[in-house]
Protein backbone atom coordinates (compact mmCIF):
# COMPACT_ATOMS: atom_id res chain seq x y z
CA UNK A 1 0.00 0.00 0.00
CA UNK A 2 1.33 3.40 -0.94
CA UNK A 3 1.50 6.47 1.25
CA UNK A 4 -1.27 8.73 -0.09
CA UNK A 5 -0.17 11.81 1.88
CA UNK A 6 3.62 11.41 1.61
CA UNK A 7 3.95 14.20 -0.98
CA UNK A 8 1.04 16.38 0.16
CA UNK A 9 3.37 19.30 0.99
CA UNK A 10 5.81 18.71 -1.86
CA UNK A 11 8.23 16.04 -3.00
CA UNK A 12 11.41 15.57 -0.98
CA UNK A 13 14.40 17.19 -2.69
CA UNK A 14 12.28 19.18 -5.15
CA UNK A 15 10.81 22.68 -5.16
CA UNK A 16 10.83 24.30 -1.74
CA UNK A 17 12.56 21.21 -0.32
CA UNK A 18 15.47 21.40 -2.81
CA UNK A 19 17.67 23.76 -0.76
CA UNK A 20 19.77 21.63 1.61
CA UNK A 21 22.15 22.19 4.50
CA UNK A 22 24.01 19.11 5.75
CA UNK A 23 21.42 17.02 3.90
CA UNK A 24 18.45 18.57 5.69
CA UNK A 25 15.80 20.67 3.94
CA UNK A 26 16.87 24.26 4.64
CA UNK A 27 13.39 25.79 4.42
CA UNK A 28 11.88 23.18 6.75
CA UNK A 29 14.69 23.79 9.24
CA UNK A 30 14.44 27.56 9.41
CA UNK A 31 10.62 27.46 9.50
CA UNK A 32 10.88 25.11 12.49
CA UNK A 33 13.23 27.55 14.23
CA UNK A 34 10.82 30.44 13.53
CA UNK A 35 7.88 28.38 14.86
CA UNK A 36 9.89 27.61 18.01
CA UNK A 37 10.77 31.28 18.54
CA UNK A 38 7.15 32.36 18.06
CA UNK A 39 5.89 29.65 20.40
CA UNK A 40 8.43 30.56 23.06
CA UNK A 41 7.52 34.24 22.77
CA UNK A 42 3.75 33.75 22.78
CA UNK A 43 3.58 31.12 25.51
CA UNK A 44 6.63 32.10 27.58
CA UNK A 45 8.41 28.77 26.98
CA UNK A 46 12.18 28.37 26.98
CA UNK A 47 13.10 28.60 23.28
CA UNK A 48 15.32 25.52 23.10
CA UNK A 49 12.61 23.35 24.68
CA UNK A 50 10.17 24.69 22.12
CA UNK A 51 12.70 23.97 19.36
CA UNK A 52 13.15 20.37 20.49
CA UNK A 53 9.38 19.90 20.73
CA UNK A 54 8.85 21.26 17.20
CA UNK A 55 11.60 19.09 15.71
CA UNK A 56 10.31 15.95 17.46
CA UNK A 57 6.74 16.71 16.37
CA UNK A 58 7.92 17.29 12.81
CA UNK A 59 9.79 14.00 12.63
CA UNK A 60 6.88 12.06 14.13
CA UNK A 61 4.58 13.60 11.51
CA UNK A 62 7.07 12.81 8.74
CA UNK A 63 7.15 9.21 9.90
CA UNK A 64 3.37 8.87 10.23
CA UNK A 65 2.77 10.31 6.76
CA UNK A 66 5.42 8.06 5.18
CA UNK A 67 7.98 10.75 4.34
CA UNK A 68 11.58 9.54 4.41
CA UNK A 69 13.24 12.57 5.96
CA UNK A 70 17.01 12.78 6.35
CA UNK A 71 16.72 12.36 10.12
CA UNK A 72 14.55 9.26 9.79
CA UNK A 73 17.15 7.81 7.42
CA UNK A 74 19.92 8.67 9.91
CA UNK A 75 18.02 6.73 12.59
CA UNK A 76 17.95 3.75 10.25
CA UNK A 77 14.17 3.50 10.21
CA UNK A 78 12.54 1.91 7.19
CA UNK A 79 9.74 4.39 6.72
CA UNK A 80 6.71 2.77 5.18
CA UNK A 81 3.21 4.01 5.83
CA UNK A 82 2.25 3.20 9.39
CA UNK A 83 -1.02 5.13 9.37
PDB file of N, CA and C in Angstrom:
ATOM      1  N   UNK A   1       0.847  -1.187   0.000  1.00  0.00           N
ATOM      2  CA  UNK A   1       0.000   0.000   0.000  1.00  0.00           C
ATOM      3  C   UNK A   1       0.884   1.239   0.000  1.00  0.00           C
ATOM      4  N   UNK A   2       0.564   2.177  -0.866  1.00  0.00           N
ATOM      5  CA  UNK A   2       1.330   3.404  -0.945  1.00  0.00           C
ATOM      6  C   UNK A   2       1.004   4.348   0.195  1.00  0.00           C
ATOM      7  N   UNK A   3       1.712   5.435   0.223  1.00  0.00           N
ATOM      8  CA  UNK A   3       1.500   6.467   1.245  1.00  0.00           C
ATOM      9  C   UNK A   3       0.791   7.638   0.575  1.00  0.00           C
ATOM     10  N   UNK A   4      -0.526   7.735   0.674  1.00  0.00           N
ATOM     11  CA  UNK A   4      -1.266   8.733  -0.090  1.00  0.00           C
ATOM     12  C   UNK A   4      -0.934  10.182   0.270  1.00  0.00           C
ATOM     13  N   UNK A   5      -0.444  10.435   1.468  1.00  0.00           N
ATOM     14  CA  UNK A   5      -0.169  11.812   1.877  1.00  0.00           C
ATOM     15  C   UNK A   5       1.319  12.133   1.939  1.00  0.00           C
ATOM     16  N   UNK A   6       2.174  11.226   1.492  1.00  0.00           N
ATOM     17  CA  UNK A   6       3.618  11.413   1.607  1.00  0.00           C
ATOM     18  C   UNK A   6       4.097  12.683   0.902  1.00  0.00           C
ATOM     19  N   UNK A   7       3.504  13.030  -0.222  1.00  0.00           N
ATOM     20  CA  UNK A   7       3.946  14.201  -0.977  1.00  0.00           C
ATOM     21  C   UNK A   7       2.932  15.340  -0.942  1.00  0.00           C
ATOM     22  N   UNK A   8       2.085  15.364   0.064  1.00  0.00           N
ATOM     23  CA  UNK A   8       1.039  16.384   0.156  1.00  0.00           C
ATOM     24  C   UNK A   8       1.609  17.799   0.229  1.00  0.00           C
ATOM     25  N   UNK A   9       2.758  17.967   0.859  1.00  0.00           N
ATOM     26  CA  UNK A   9       3.370  19.296   0.991  1.00  0.00           C
ATOM     27  C   UNK A   9       4.596  19.453   0.097  1.00  0.00           C
ATOM     28  N   UNK A  10       4.696  18.632  -0.924  1.00  0.00           N
ATOM     29  CA  UNK A  10       5.808  18.709  -1.862  1.00  0.00           C
ATOM     30  C   UNK A  10       6.662  17.461  -1.819  1.00  0.00           C
ATOM     31  N   UNK A  11       7.362  17.215  -2.920  1.00  0.00           N
ATOM     32  CA  UNK A  11       8.226  16.044  -3.004  1.00  0.00           C
ATOM     33  C   UNK A  11       9.572  16.337  -2.354  1.00  0.00           C
ATOM     34  N   UNK A  12      10.100  15.373  -1.607  1.00  0.00           N
ATOM     35  CA  UNK A  12      11.413  15.567  -0.983  1.00  0.00           C
ATOM     36  C   UNK A  12      12.484  15.840  -2.042  1.00  0.00           C
ATOM     37  N   UNK A  13      13.306  16.853  -1.789  1.00  0.00           N
ATOM     38  CA  UNK A  13      14.403  17.186  -2.694  1.00  0.00           C
ATOM     39  C   UNK A  13      14.011  18.012  -3.900  1.00  0.00           C
ATOM     40  N   UNK A  14      12.738  18.397  -4.010  1.00  0.00           N
ATOM     41  CA  UNK A  14      12.281  19.185  -5.153  1.00  0.00           C
ATOM     42  C   UNK A  14      11.545  20.424  -4.661  1.00  0.00           C
ATOM     43  N   UNK A  15      11.527  21.451  -5.501  1.00  0.00           N
ATOM     44  CA  UNK A  15      10.806  22.676  -5.163  1.00  0.00           C
ATOM     45  C   UNK A  15      11.338  23.330  -3.904  1.00  0.00           C
ATOM     46  N   UNK A  16      10.443  23.624  -2.974  1.00  0.00           N
ATOM     47  CA  UNK A  16      10.827  24.302  -1.736  1.00  0.00           C
ATOM     48  C   UNK A  16      11.745  23.435  -0.873  1.00  0.00           C
ATOM     49  N   UNK A  17      11.721  22.130  -1.097  1.00  0.00           N
ATOM     50  CA  UNK A  17      12.559  21.210  -0.322  1.00  0.00           C
ATOM     51  C   UNK A  17      13.912  20.948  -0.987  1.00  0.00           C
ATOM     52  N   UNK A  18      14.222  21.646  -2.084  1.00  0.00           N
ATOM     53  CA  UNK A  18      15.472  21.401  -2.812  1.00  0.00           C
ATOM     54  C   UNK A  18      16.690  21.980  -2.096  1.00  0.00           C
ATOM     55  N   UNK A  19      16.541  23.138  -1.465  1.00  0.00           N
ATOM     56  CA  UNK A  19      17.674  23.756  -0.761  1.00  0.00           C
ATOM     57  C   UNK A  19      18.038  22.906   0.449  1.00  0.00           C
ATOM     58  N   UNK A  20      19.315  22.543   0.555  1.00  0.00           N
ATOM     59  CA  UNK A  20      19.766  21.632   1.615  1.00  0.00           C
ATOM     60  C   UNK A  20      20.933  22.222   2.384  1.00  0.00           C
ATOM     61  N   UNK A  21      21.003  21.873   3.663  1.00  0.00           N
ATOM     62  CA  UNK A  21      22.152  22.188   4.495  1.00  0.00           C
ATOM     63  C   UNK A  21      22.441  20.935   5.317  1.00  0.00           C
ATOM     64  N   UNK A  22      23.618  20.375   5.115  1.00  0.00           N
ATOM     65  CA  UNK A  22      24.010  19.110   5.747  1.00  0.00           C
ATOM     66  C   UNK A  22      23.003  17.998   5.454  1.00  0.00           C
ATOM     67  N   UNK A  23      22.370  18.047   4.292  1.00  0.00           N
ATOM     68  CA  UNK A  23      21.419  17.020   3.895  1.00  0.00           C
ATOM     69  C   UNK A  23      19.987  17.268   4.344  1.00  0.00           C
ATOM     70  N   UNK A  24      19.786  18.267   5.183  1.00  0.00           N
ATOM     71  CA  UNK A  24      18.446  18.573   5.692  1.00  0.00           C
ATOM     72  C   UNK A  24      17.821  19.690   4.859  1.00  0.00           C
ATOM     73  N   UNK A  25      16.510  19.639   4.702  1.00  0.00           N
ATOM     74  CA  UNK A  25      15.798  20.668   3.943  1.00  0.00           C
ATOM     75  C   UNK A  25      15.928  22.009   4.668  1.00  0.00           C
ATOM     76  N   UNK A  26      16.583  22.965   4.024  1.00  0.00           N
ATOM     77  CA  UNK A  26      16.869  24.262   4.639  1.00  0.00           C
ATOM     78  C   UNK A  26      15.590  25.001   5.026  1.00  0.00           C
ATOM     79  N   UNK A  27      14.619  25.049   4.135  1.00  0.00           N
ATOM     80  CA  UNK A  27      13.387  25.795   4.419  1.00  0.00           C
ATOM     81  C   UNK A  27      12.596  25.173   5.567  1.00  0.00           C
ATOM     82  N   UNK A  28      12.556  23.848   5.626  1.00  0.00           N
ATOM     83  CA  UNK A  28      11.879  23.183   6.747  1.00  0.00           C
ATOM     84  C   UNK A  28      12.577  23.508   8.063  1.00  0.00           C
ATOM     85  N   UNK A  29      13.907  23.542   8.024  1.00  0.00           N
ATOM     86  CA  UNK A  29      14.687  23.787   9.240  1.00  0.00           C
ATOM     87  C   UNK A  29      14.465  25.195   9.764  1.00  0.00           C
ATOM     88  N   UNK A  30      14.587  26.200   8.894  1.00  0.00           N
ATOM     89  CA  UNK A  30      14.439  27.563   9.410  1.00  0.00           C
ATOM     90  C   UNK A  30      12.995  27.873   9.789  1.00  0.00           C
ATOM     91  N   UNK A  31      12.021  27.251   9.104  1.00  0.00           N
ATOM     92  CA  UNK A  31      10.625  27.461   9.502  1.00  0.00           C
ATOM     93  C   UNK A  31      10.341  26.831  10.867  1.00  0.00           C
ATOM     94  N   UNK A  32      11.012  25.733  11.165  1.00  0.00           N
ATOM     95  CA  UNK A  32      10.876  25.107  12.485  1.00  0.00           C
ATOM     96  C   UNK A  32      11.467  26.004  13.561  1.00  0.00           C
ATOM     97  N   UNK A  33      12.608  26.628  13.273  1.00  0.00           N
ATOM     98  CA  UNK A  33      13.226  27.553  14.229  1.00  0.00           C
ATOM     99  C   UNK A  33      12.317  28.757  14.458  1.00  0.00           C
ATOM    100  N   UNK A  34      11.744  29.302  13.399  1.00  0.00           N
ATOM    101  CA  UNK A  34      10.825  30.441  13.534  1.00  0.00           C
ATOM    102  C   UNK A  34       9.594  30.042  14.351  1.00  0.00           C
ATOM    103  N   UNK A  35       9.040  28.860  14.087  1.00  0.00           N
ATOM    104  CA  UNK A  35       7.884  28.383  14.861  1.00  0.00           C
ATOM    105  C   UNK A  35       8.243  28.249  16.335  1.00  0.00           C
ATOM    106  N   UNK A  36       9.448  27.759  16.618  1.00  0.00           N
ATOM    107  CA  UNK A  36       9.890  27.611  18.010  1.00  0.00           C
ATOM    108  C   UNK A  36      10.047  28.971  18.683  1.00  0.00           C
ATOM    109  N   UNK A  37      10.609  29.934  17.972  1.00  0.00           N
ATOM    110  CA  UNK A  37      10.771  31.275  18.543  1.00  0.00           C
ATOM    111  C   UNK A  37       9.416  31.929  18.803  1.00  0.00           C
ATOM    112  N   UNK A  38       8.492  31.795  17.862  1.00  0.00           N
ATOM    113  CA  UNK A  38       7.148  32.358  18.061  1.00  0.00           C
ATOM    114  C   UNK A  38       6.429  31.687  19.226  1.00  0.00           C
ATOM    115  N   UNK A  39       6.527  30.379  19.301  1.00  0.00           N
ATOM    116  CA  UNK A  39       5.890  29.645  20.397  1.00  0.00           C
ATOM    117  C   UNK A  39       6.476  30.059  21.737  1.00  0.00           C
ATOM    118  N   UNK A  40       7.794  30.181  21.791  1.00  0.00           N
ATOM    119  CA  UNK A  40       8.431  30.556  23.056  1.00  0.00           C
ATOM    120  C   UNK A  40       8.048  31.975  23.462  1.00  0.00           C
ATOM    121  N   UNK A  41       7.905  32.860  22.476  1.00  0.00           N
ATOM    122  CA  UNK A  41       7.518  34.237  22.773  1.00  0.00           C
ATOM    123  C   UNK A  41       6.056  34.319  23.218  1.00  0.00           C
ATOM    124  N   UNK A  42       5.181  33.653  22.490  1.00  0.00           N
ATOM    125  CA  UNK A  42       3.749  33.748  22.777  1.00  0.00           C
ATOM    126  C   UNK A  42       3.328  33.026  24.054  1.00  0.00           C
ATOM    127  N   UNK A  43       3.993  31.927  24.370  1.00  0.00           N
ATOM    128  CA  UNK A  43       3.585  31.116  25.515  1.00  0.00           C
ATOM    129  C   UNK A  43       4.605  31.089  26.645  1.00  0.00           C
ATOM    130  N   UNK A  44       5.614  31.960  26.544  1.00  0.00           N
ATOM    131  CA  UNK A  44       6.634  32.097  27.582  1.00  0.00           C
ATOM    132  C   UNK A  44       7.284  30.742  27.914  1.00  0.00           C
ATOM    133  N   UNK A  45       7.728  30.060  26.861  1.00  0.00           N
ATOM    134  CA  UNK A  45       8.405  28.772  26.981  1.00  0.00           C
ATOM    135  C   UNK A  45       9.873  28.997  26.644  1.00  0.00           C
ATOM    136  N   UNK A  46      10.753  28.277  27.306  1.00  0.00           N
ATOM    137  CA  UNK A  46      12.176  28.365  26.981  1.00  0.00           C
ATOM    138  C   UNK A  46      12.347  27.963  25.516  1.00  0.00           C
ATOM    139  N   UNK A  47      13.068  28.788  24.729  1.00  0.00           N
ATOM    140  CA  UNK A  47      13.098  28.602  23.279  1.00  0.00           C
ATOM    141  C   UNK A  47      13.681  27.265  22.850  1.00  0.00           C
ATOM    142  N   UNK A  48      14.702  26.779  23.529  1.00  0.00           N
ATOM    143  CA  UNK A  48      15.319  25.523  23.100  1.00  0.00           C
ATOM    144  C   UNK A  48      14.411  24.331  23.387  1.00  0.00           C
ATOM    145  N   UNK A  49      13.577  24.427  24.430  1.00  0.00           N
ATOM    146  CA  UNK A  49      12.606  23.354  24.683  1.00  0.00           C
ATOM    147  C   UNK A  49      11.533  23.366  23.599  1.00  0.00           C
ATOM    148  N   UNK A  50      11.132  24.554  23.204  1.00  0.00           N
ATOM    149  CA  UNK A  50      10.167  24.687  22.121  1.00  0.00           C
ATOM    150  C   UNK A  50      10.761  24.151  20.815  1.00  0.00           C
ATOM    151  N   UNK A  51      12.027  24.448  20.568  1.00  0.00           N
ATOM    152  CA  UNK A  51      12.699  23.974  19.358  1.00  0.00           C
ATOM    153  C   UNK A  51      12.740  22.448  19.317  1.00  0.00           C
ATOM    154  N   UNK A  52      13.107  21.839  20.421  1.00  0.00           N
ATOM    155  CA  UNK A  52      13.149  20.374  20.488  1.00  0.00           C
ATOM    156  C   UNK A  52      11.755  19.794  20.259  1.00  0.00           C
ATOM    157  N   UNK A  53      10.751  20.397  20.892  1.00  0.00           N
ATOM    158  CA  UNK A  53       9.377  19.905  20.733  1.00  0.00           C
ATOM    159  C   UNK A  53       8.923  19.995  19.275  1.00  0.00           C
ATOM    160  N   UNK A  54       9.239  21.104  18.607  1.00  0.00           N
ATOM    161  CA  UNK A  54       8.847  21.261  17.204  1.00  0.00           C
ATOM    162  C   UNK A  54       9.562  20.263  16.308  1.00  0.00           C
ATOM    163  N   UNK A  55      10.863  20.054  16.536  1.00  0.00           N
ATOM    164  CA  UNK A  55      11.595  19.087  15.713  1.00  0.00           C
ATOM    165  C   UNK A  55      11.081  17.667  15.930  1.00  0.00           C
ATOM    166  N   UNK A  56      10.828  17.291  17.174  1.00  0.00           N
ATOM    167  CA  UNK A  56      10.309  15.947  17.459  1.00  0.00           C
ATOM    168  C   UNK A  56       8.934  15.772  16.820  1.00  0.00           C
ATOM    169  N   UNK A  57       8.073  16.775  16.978  1.00  0.00           N
ATOM    170  CA  UNK A  57       6.742  16.715  16.372  1.00  0.00           C
ATOM    171  C   UNK A  57       6.842  16.584  14.854  1.00  0.00           C
ATOM    172  N   UNK A  58       7.733  17.354  14.262  1.00  0.00           N
ATOM    173  CA  UNK A  58       7.922  17.289  12.810  1.00  0.00           C
ATOM    174  C   UNK A  58       8.364  15.920  12.334  1.00  0.00           C
ATOM    175  N   UNK A  59       9.305  15.318  13.037  1.00  0.00           N
ATOM    176  CA  UNK A  59       9.792  13.998  12.628  1.00  0.00           C
ATOM    177  C   UNK A  59       8.739  12.917  12.840  1.00  0.00           C
ATOM    178  N   UNK A  60       7.974  13.021  13.911  1.00  0.00           N
ATOM    179  CA  UNK A  60       6.882  12.062  14.130  1.00  0.00           C
ATOM    180  C   UNK A  60       5.862  12.176  12.997  1.00  0.00           C
ATOM    181  N   UNK A  61       5.521  13.402  12.617  1.00  0.00           N
ATOM    182  CA  UNK A  61       4.575  13.595  11.515  1.00  0.00           C
ATOM    183  C   UNK A  61       5.142  13.087  10.193  1.00  0.00           C
ATOM    184  N   UNK A  62       6.438  13.355   9.938  1.00  0.00           N
ATOM    185  CA  UNK A  62       7.073  12.813   8.736  1.00  0.00           C
ATOM    186  C   UNK A  62       6.936  11.294   8.708  1.00  0.00           C
ATOM    187  N   UNK A  63       7.212  10.666   9.825  1.00  0.00           N
ATOM    188  CA  UNK A  63       7.148   9.205   9.901  1.00  0.00           C
ATOM    189  C   UNK A  63       5.725   8.690   9.686  1.00  0.00           C
ATOM    190  N   UNK A  64       4.762   9.315  10.355  1.00  0.00           N
ATOM    191  CA  UNK A  64       3.368   8.871  10.234  1.00  0.00           C
ATOM    192  C   UNK A  64       2.822   9.021   8.819  1.00  0.00           C
ATOM    193  N   UNK A  65       3.264  10.071   8.115  1.00  0.00           N
ATOM    194  CA  UNK A  65       2.771  10.307   6.759  1.00  0.00           C
ATOM    195  C   UNK A  65       3.604   9.599   5.696  1.00  0.00           C
ATOM    196  N   UNK A  66       4.625   8.857   6.122  1.00  0.00           N
ATOM    197  CA  UNK A  66       5.416   8.065   5.180  1.00  0.00           C
ATOM    198  C   UNK A  66       6.470   8.837   4.424  1.00  0.00           C
ATOM    199  N   UNK A  67       6.939   9.944   4.976  1.00  0.00           N
ATOM    200  CA  UNK A  67       7.976  10.747   4.336  1.00  0.00           C
ATOM    201  C   UNK A  67       9.334  10.313   4.879  1.00  0.00           C
ATOM    202  N   UNK A  68      10.240   9.935   3.991  1.00  0.00           N
ATOM    203  CA  UNK A  68      11.580   9.536   4.411  1.00  0.00           C
ATOM    204  C   UNK A  68      12.455  10.775   4.564  1.00  0.00           C
ATOM    205  N   UNK A  69      12.404  11.402   5.713  1.00  0.00           N
ATOM    206  CA  UNK A  69      13.239  12.574   5.960  1.00  0.00           C
ATOM    207  C   UNK A  69      14.676  12.137   6.207  1.00  0.00           C
ATOM    208  N   UNK A  70      15.595  13.074   6.113  1.00  0.00           N
ATOM    209  CA  UNK A  70      17.006  12.777   6.346  1.00  0.00           C
ATOM    210  C   UNK A  70      17.220  12.243   7.749  1.00  0.00           C
ATOM    211  N   UNK A  71      16.548  12.808   8.731  1.00  0.00           N
ATOM    212  CA  UNK A  71      16.716  12.362  10.115  1.00  0.00           C
ATOM    213  C   UNK A  71      16.205  10.937  10.309  1.00  0.00           C
ATOM    214  N   UNK A  72      15.089  10.615   9.692  1.00  0.00           N
ATOM    215  CA  UNK A  72      14.545   9.258   9.786  1.00  0.00           C
ATOM    216  C   UNK A  72      15.523   8.266   9.159  1.00  0.00           C
ATOM    217  N   UNK A  73      16.137   8.662   8.048  1.00  0.00           N
ATOM    218  CA  UNK A  73      17.148   7.806   7.421  1.00  0.00           C
ATOM    219  C   UNK A  73      18.368   7.649   8.328  1.00  0.00           C
ATOM    220  N   UNK A  74      18.782   8.741   8.988  1.00  0.00           N
ATOM    221  CA  UNK A  74      19.920   8.668   9.913  1.00  0.00           C
ATOM    222  C   UNK A  74      19.644   7.718  11.072  1.00  0.00           C
ATOM    223  N   UNK A  75      18.397   7.650  11.509  1.00  0.00           N
ATOM    224  CA  UNK A  75      18.023   6.732  12.586  1.00  0.00           C
ATOM    225  C   UNK A  75      17.954   5.284  12.108  1.00  0.00           C
ATOM    226  N   UNK A  76      18.000   5.090  10.803  1.00  0.00           N
ATOM    227  CA  UNK A  76      17.949   3.749  10.245  1.00  0.00           C
ATOM    228  C   UNK A  76      16.561   3.150  10.207  1.00  0.00           C
ATOM    229  N   UNK A  77      15.553   3.998  10.244  1.00  0.00           N
ATOM    230  CA  UNK A  77      14.174   3.505  10.206  1.00  0.00           C
ATOM    231  C   UNK A  77      13.737   3.294   8.764  1.00  0.00           C
ATOM    232  N   UNK A  78      13.100   2.181   8.504  1.00  0.00           N
ATOM    233  CA  UNK A  78      12.535   1.908   7.193  1.00  0.00           C
ATOM    234  C   UNK A  78      11.134   2.490   7.196  1.00  0.00           C
ATOM    235  N   UNK A  79      10.996   3.660   6.620  1.00  0.00           N
ATOM    236  CA  UNK A  79       9.744   4.393   6.718  1.00  0.00           C
ATOM    237  C   UNK A  79       8.762   3.963   5.643  1.00  0.00           C
ATOM    238  N   UNK A  80       7.840   3.125   6.026  1.00  0.00           N
ATOM    239  CA  UNK A  80       6.711   2.771   5.183  1.00  0.00           C
ATOM    240  C   UNK A  80       5.481   3.320   5.893  1.00  0.00           C
ATOM    241  N   UNK A  81       4.406   3.458   5.189  1.00  0.00           N
ATOM    242  CA  UNK A  81       3.208   4.007   5.828  1.00  0.00           C
ATOM    243  C   UNK A  81       2.815   3.182   7.041  1.00  0.00           C
ATOM    244  N   UNK A  82       2.682   3.867   8.169  1.00  0.00           N
ATOM    245  CA  UNK A  82       2.250   3.198   9.391  1.00  0.00           C
ATOM    246  C   UNK A  82       0.843   3.622   9.760  1.00  0.00           C
ATOM    247  N   UNK A  83       0.326   4.625   9.062  1.00  0.00           N
ATOM    248  CA  UNK A  83      -1.017   5.126   9.370  1.00  0.00           C
ATOM    249  C   UNK A  83      -2.061   4.308   8.654  1.00  0.00           C
TER     250      UNK A  83
END
